[in-house]
């Protein structure tokens, strides 16, 4: 289950990206979730996905 709280989501997503997924697209597919929903929710707390680092910064 993907957390709904943006700060919890940030921690969860970055951990998943670090440990299990090579990209945000792979994560969204693997977790069967909407990538844009993650991006928008984390953008609301001023975090953007950095593909080179493979994490939200």
PDB file of N, CA and C in Angstrom:
ATOM      1  N   UNK A   1       0.835  -1.183   0.000  1.00  0.00           N
ATOM      2  CA  UNK A   1       0.000   0.000   0.000  1.00  0.00           C
ATOM      3  C   UNK A   1       0.882   1.250   0.000  1.00  0.00           C
ATOM      4  N   UNK A   2       0.598   2.155  -0.895  1.00  0.00           N
ATOM      5  CA  UNK A   2       1.351   3.396  -1.030  1.00  0.00           C
ATOM      6  C   UNK A   2       0.784   4.423  -0.038  1.00  0.00           C
ATOM      7  N   UNK A   3       1.640   5.040   0.778  1.00  0.00           N
ATOM      8  CA  UNK A   3       1.158   6.035   1.747  1.00  0.00           C
ATOM      9  C   UNK A   3       0.473   7.220   1.074  1.00  0.00           C
ATOM     10  N   UNK A   4      -0.495   7.799   1.752  1.00  0.00           N
ATOM     11  CA  UNK A   4      -1.216   8.959   1.218  1.00  0.00           C
ATOM     12  C   UNK A   4      -0.602  10.272   1.688  1.00  0.00           C
ATOM     13  N   UNK A   5      -0.032  10.294   2.877  1.00  0.00           N
ATOM     14  CA  UNK A   5       0.609  11.495   3.399  1.00  0.00           C
ATOM     15  C   UNK A   5       1.846  11.810   2.547  1.00  0.00           C
ATOM     16  N   UNK A   6       1.995  13.039   2.041  1.00  0.00           N
ATOM     17  CA  UNK A   6       3.113  13.364   1.148  1.00  0.00           C
ATOM     18  C   UNK A   6       4.502  13.101   1.739  1.00  0.00           C
ATOM     19  N   UNK A   7       4.713  13.408   3.004  1.00  0.00           N
ATOM     20  CA  UNK A   7       6.043  13.174   3.595  1.00  0.00           C
ATOM     21  C   UNK A   7       6.336  11.678   3.738  1.00  0.00           C
ATOM     22  N   UNK A   8       5.336  10.907   4.127  1.00  0.00           N
ATOM     23  CA  UNK A   8       5.505   9.456   4.212  1.00  0.00           C
ATOM     24  C   UNK A   8       5.710   8.876   2.812  1.00  0.00           C
ATOM     25  N   UNK A   9       4.975   9.421   1.856  1.00  0.00           N
ATOM     26  CA  UNK A   9       5.105   8.984   0.472  1.00  0.00           C
ATOM     27  C   UNK A   9       6.517   9.237  -0.035  1.00  0.00           C
ATOM     28  N   UNK A  10       7.066  10.397   0.259  1.00  0.00           N
ATOM     29  CA  UNK A  10       8.432  10.724  -0.165  1.00  0.00           C
ATOM     30  C   UNK A  10       9.423   9.680   0.333  1.00  0.00           C
ATOM     31  N   UNK A  11       9.367   9.391   1.601  1.00  0.00           N
ATOM     32  CA  UNK A  11      10.279   8.410   2.193  1.00  0.00           C
ATOM     33  C   UNK A  11      10.082   7.033   1.561  1.00  0.00           C
ATOM     34  N   UNK A  12       8.850   6.620   1.431  1.00  0.00           N
ATOM     35  CA  UNK A  12       8.527   5.313   0.866  1.00  0.00           C
ATOM     36  C   UNK A  12       9.006   5.200  -0.578  1.00  0.00           C
ATOM     37  N   UNK A  13       8.682   6.193  -1.399  1.00  0.00           N
ATOM     38  CA  UNK A  13       9.037   6.146  -2.821  1.00  0.00           C
ATOM     39  C   UNK A  13      10.552   6.162  -3.004  1.00  0.00           C
ATOM     40  N   UNK A  14      11.254   7.038  -2.301  1.00  0.00           N
ATOM     41  CA  UNK A  14      12.711   7.083  -2.455  1.00  0.00           C
ATOM     42  C   UNK A  14      13.363   5.786  -1.993  1.00  0.00           C
ATOM     43  N   UNK A  15      12.834   5.170  -0.952  1.00  0.00           N
ATOM     44  CA  UNK A  15      13.369   3.876  -0.497  1.00  0.00           C
ATOM     45  C   UNK A  15      13.125   2.804  -1.554  1.00  0.00           C
ATOM     46  N   UNK A  16      11.919   2.779  -2.111  1.00  0.00           N
ATOM     47  CA  UNK A  16      11.608   1.798  -3.149  1.00  0.00           C
ATOM     48  C   UNK A  16      12.501   2.000  -4.379  1.00  0.00           C
ATOM     49  N   UNK A  17      12.691   3.254  -4.771  1.00  0.00           N
ATOM     50  CA  UNK A  17      13.549   3.545  -5.924  1.00  0.00           C
ATOM     51  C   UNK A  17      14.983   3.105  -5.654  1.00  0.00           C
ATOM     52  N   UNK A  18      15.472   3.372  -4.475  1.00  0.00           N
ATOM     53  CA  UNK A  18      16.847   3.005  -4.123  1.00  0.00           C
ATOM     54  C   UNK A  18      17.032   1.486  -4.085  1.00  0.00           C
ATOM     55  N   UNK A  19      16.071   0.794  -3.483  1.00  0.00           N
ATOM     56  CA  UNK A  19      16.261  -0.631  -3.215  1.00  0.00           C
ATOM     57  C   UNK A  19      15.739  -1.579  -4.288  1.00  0.00           C
ATOM     58  N   UNK A  20      14.727  -1.152  -5.057  1.00  0.00           N
ATOM     59  CA  UNK A  20      14.070  -2.130  -5.924  1.00  0.00           C
ATOM     60  C   UNK A  20      13.847  -1.711  -7.379  1.00  0.00           C
ATOM     61  N   UNK A  21      13.804  -0.416  -7.679  1.00  0.00           N
ATOM     62  CA  UNK A  21      13.407   0.018  -9.017  1.00  0.00           C
ATOM     63  C   UNK A  21      14.449   0.928  -9.652  1.00  0.00           C
ATOM     64  N   UNK A  22      14.668   0.725 -10.934  1.00  0.00           N
ATOM     65  CA  UNK A  22      15.677   1.497 -11.659  1.00  0.00           C
ATOM     66  C   UNK A  22      15.150   2.825 -12.187  1.00  0.00           C
ATOM     67  N   UNK A  23      13.844   3.040 -12.095  1.00  0.00           N
ATOM     68  CA  UNK A  23      13.259   4.289 -12.587  1.00  0.00           C
ATOM     69  C   UNK A  23      11.881   4.488 -11.972  1.00  0.00           C
ATOM     70  N   UNK A  24      11.371   5.695 -12.100  1.00  0.00           N
ATOM     71  CA  UNK A  24      10.027   5.991 -11.617  1.00  0.00           C
ATOM     72  C   UNK A  24       8.983   5.223 -12.429  1.00  0.00           C
ATOM     73  N   UNK A  25       9.213   5.066 -13.723  1.00  0.00           N
ATOM     74  CA  UNK A  25       8.286   4.300 -14.555  1.00  0.00           C
ATOM     75  C   UNK A  25       8.212   2.851 -14.086  1.00  0.00           C
ATOM     76  N   UNK A  26       9.368   2.255 -13.790  1.00  0.00           N
ATOM     77  CA  UNK A  26       9.403   0.870 -13.318  1.00  0.00           C
ATOM     78  C   UNK A  26       8.690   0.741 -11.980  1.00  0.00           C
ATOM     79  N   UNK A  27       8.871   1.723 -11.105  1.00  0.00           N
ATOM     80  CA  UNK A  27       8.201   1.707  -9.812  1.00  0.00           C
ATOM     81  C   UNK A  27       6.685   1.766  -9.990  1.00  0.00           C
ATOM     82  N   UNK A  28       6.214   2.698 -10.790  1.00  0.00           N
ATOM     83  CA  UNK A  28       4.773   2.849 -11.001  1.00  0.00           C
ATOM     84  C   UNK A  28       4.167   1.568 -11.564  1.00  0.00           C
ATOM     85  N   UNK A  29       4.864   0.963 -12.501  1.00  0.00           N
ATOM     86  CA  UNK A  29       4.375  -0.288 -13.083  1.00  0.00           C
ATOM     87  C   UNK A  29       4.403  -1.407 -12.042  1.00  0.00           C
ATOM     88  N   UNK A  30       5.509  -1.512 -11.312  1.00  0.00           N
ATOM     89  CA  UNK A  30       5.651  -2.573 -10.319  1.00  0.00           C
ATOM     90  C   UNK A  30       4.670  -2.468  -9.168  1.00  0.00           C
ATOM     91  N   UNK A  31       4.326  -1.245  -8.785  1.00  0.00           N
ATOM     92  CA  UNK A  31       3.379  -1.037  -7.688  1.00  0.00           C
ATOM     93  C   UNK A  31       1.949  -0.851  -8.191  1.00  0.00           C
ATOM     94  N   UNK A  32       1.787  -0.911  -9.511  1.00  0.00           N
ATOM     95  CA  UNK A  32       0.479  -0.740 -10.133  1.00  0.00           C
ATOM     96  C   UNK A  32      -0.196   0.543  -9.644  1.00  0.00           C
ATOM     97  N   UNK A  33       0.546   1.641  -9.770  1.00  0.00           N
ATOM     98  CA  UNK A  33       0.050   2.944  -9.332  1.00  0.00           C
ATOM     99  C   UNK A  33       0.284   3.977 -10.421  1.00  0.00           C
ATOM    100  N   UNK A  34      -0.370   5.107 -10.293  1.00  0.00           N
ATOM    101  CA  UNK A  34      -0.278   6.175 -11.285  1.00  0.00           C
ATOM    102  C   UNK A  34       0.947   7.052 -11.011  1.00  0.00           C
ATOM    103  N   UNK A  35       1.870   7.054 -11.942  1.00  0.00           N
ATOM    104  CA  UNK A  35       3.096   7.836 -11.806  1.00  0.00           C
ATOM    105  C   UNK A  35       2.800   9.316 -11.629  1.00  0.00           C
ATOM    106  N   UNK A  36       1.878   9.849 -12.410  1.00  0.00           N
ATOM    107  CA  UNK A  36       1.563  11.276 -12.347  1.00  0.00           C
ATOM    108  C   UNK A  36       0.975  11.661 -10.991  1.00  0.00           C
ATOM    109  N   UNK A  37       0.231  10.768 -10.383  1.00  0.00           N
ATOM    110  CA  UNK A  37      -0.327  11.041  -9.054  1.00  0.00           C
ATOM    111  C   UNK A  37       0.802  11.184  -8.027  1.00  0.00           C
ATOM    112  N   UNK A  38       1.804  10.325  -8.117  1.00  0.00           N
ATOM    113  CA  UNK A  38       2.971  10.405  -7.229  1.00  0.00           C
ATOM    114  C   UNK A  38       3.706  11.712  -7.465  1.00  0.00           C
ATOM    115  N   UNK A  39       3.970  12.024  -8.728  1.00  0.00           N
ATOM    116  CA  UNK A  39       4.699  13.245  -9.083  1.00  0.00           C
ATOM    117  C   UNK A  39       3.966  14.480  -8.562  1.00  0.00           C
ATOM    118  N   UNK A  40       2.671  14.545  -8.770  1.00  0.00           N
ATOM    119  CA  UNK A  40       1.893  15.709  -8.330  1.00  0.00           C
ATOM    120  C   UNK A  40       1.860  15.827  -6.811  1.00  0.00           C
ATOM    121  N   UNK A  41       1.691  14.716  -6.132  1.00  0.00           N
ATOM    122  CA  UNK A  41       1.630  14.758  -4.672  1.00  0.00           C
ATOM    123  C   UNK A  41       2.965  15.218  -4.091  1.00  0.00           C
ATOM    124  N   UNK A  42       4.075  14.747  -4.657  1.00  0.00           N
ATOM    125  CA  UNK A  42       5.384  15.141  -4.144  1.00  0.00           C
ATOM    126  C   UNK A  42       5.759  16.548  -4.606  1.00  0.00           C
ATOM    127  N   UNK A  43       5.258  16.961  -5.737  1.00  0.00           N
ATOM    128  CA  UNK A  43       5.466  18.341  -6.181  1.00  0.00           C
ATOM    129  C   UNK A  43       4.780  19.305  -5.209  1.00  0.00           C
ATOM    130  N   UNK A  44       3.681  18.875  -4.614  1.00  0.00           N
ATOM    131  CA  UNK A  44       2.952  19.730  -3.672  1.00  0.00           C
ATOM    132  C   UNK A  44       3.777  20.057  -2.422  1.00  0.00           C
ATOM    133  N   UNK A  45       4.812  19.259  -2.158  1.00  0.00           N
ATOM    134  CA  UNK A  45       5.718  19.551  -1.039  1.00  0.00           C
ATOM    135  C   UNK A  45       7.114  19.917  -1.566  1.00  0.00           C
ATOM    136  N   UNK A  46       7.149  20.384  -2.804  1.00  0.00           N
ATOM    137  CA  UNK A  46       8.364  20.926  -3.436  1.00  0.00           C
ATOM    138  C   UNK A  46       9.450  19.900  -3.714  1.00  0.00           C
ATOM    139  N   UNK A  47       9.057  18.700  -4.094  1.00  0.00           N
ATOM    140  CA  UNK A  47      10.023  17.679  -4.512  1.00  0.00           C
ATOM    141  C   UNK A  47       9.761  17.327  -5.966  1.00  0.00           C
ATOM    142  N   UNK A  48      10.843  17.173  -6.711  1.00  0.00           N
ATOM    143  CA  UNK A  48      10.775  16.789  -8.122  1.00  0.00           C
ATOM    144  C   UNK A  48      11.609  15.536  -8.325  1.00  0.00           C
ATOM    145  N   UNK A  49      11.193  14.718  -9.278  1.00  0.00           N
ATOM    146  CA  UNK A  49      11.943  13.501  -9.590  1.00  0.00           C
ATOM    147  C   UNK A  49      13.185  13.852 -10.398  1.00  0.00           C
ATOM    148  N   UNK A  50      14.329  13.333  -9.981  1.00  0.00           N
ATOM    149  CA  UNK A  50      15.587  13.492 -10.705  1.00  0.00           C
ATOM    150  C   UNK A  50      15.938  12.120 -11.278  1.00  0.00           C
ATOM    151  N   UNK A  51      15.773  11.964 -12.593  1.00  0.00           N
ATOM    152  CA  UNK A  51      15.993  10.665 -13.236  1.00  0.00           C
ATOM    153  C   UNK A  51      17.444  10.214 -13.120  1.00  0.00           C
ATOM    154  N   UNK A  52      18.366  11.148 -13.160  1.00  0.00           N
ATOM    155  CA  UNK A  52      19.778  10.794 -13.066  1.00  0.00           C
ATOM    156  C   UNK A  52      20.110  10.200 -11.700  1.00  0.00           C
ATOM    157  N   UNK A  53      19.546  10.785 -10.661  1.00  0.00           N
ATOM    158  CA  UNK A  53      19.757  10.269  -9.300  1.00  0.00           C
ATOM    159  C   UNK A  53      18.762   9.165  -8.934  1.00  0.00           C
ATOM    160  N   UNK A  54      17.700   9.053  -9.714  1.00  0.00           N
ATOM    161  CA  UNK A  54      16.612   8.102  -9.465  1.00  0.00           C
ATOM    162  C   UNK A  54      16.022   8.287  -8.074  1.00  0.00           C
ATOM    163  N   UNK A  55      15.697   9.549  -7.764  1.00  0.00           N
ATOM    164  CA  UNK A  55      15.023   9.836  -6.505  1.00  0.00           C
ATOM    165  C   UNK A  55      14.391  11.212  -6.581  1.00  0.00           C
ATOM    166  N   UNK A  56      13.506  11.466  -5.641  1.00  0.00           N
ATOM    167  CA  UNK A  56      12.887  12.779  -5.526  1.00  0.00           C
ATOM    168  C   UNK A  56      13.776  13.642  -4.661  1.00  0.00           C
ATOM    169  N   UNK A  57      14.063  14.842  -5.151  1.00  0.00           N
ATOM    170  CA  UNK A  57      14.945  15.787  -4.424  1.00  0.00           C
ATOM    171  C   UNK A  57      14.278  17.144  -4.338  1.00  0.00           C
TER     172      UNK A  57
END
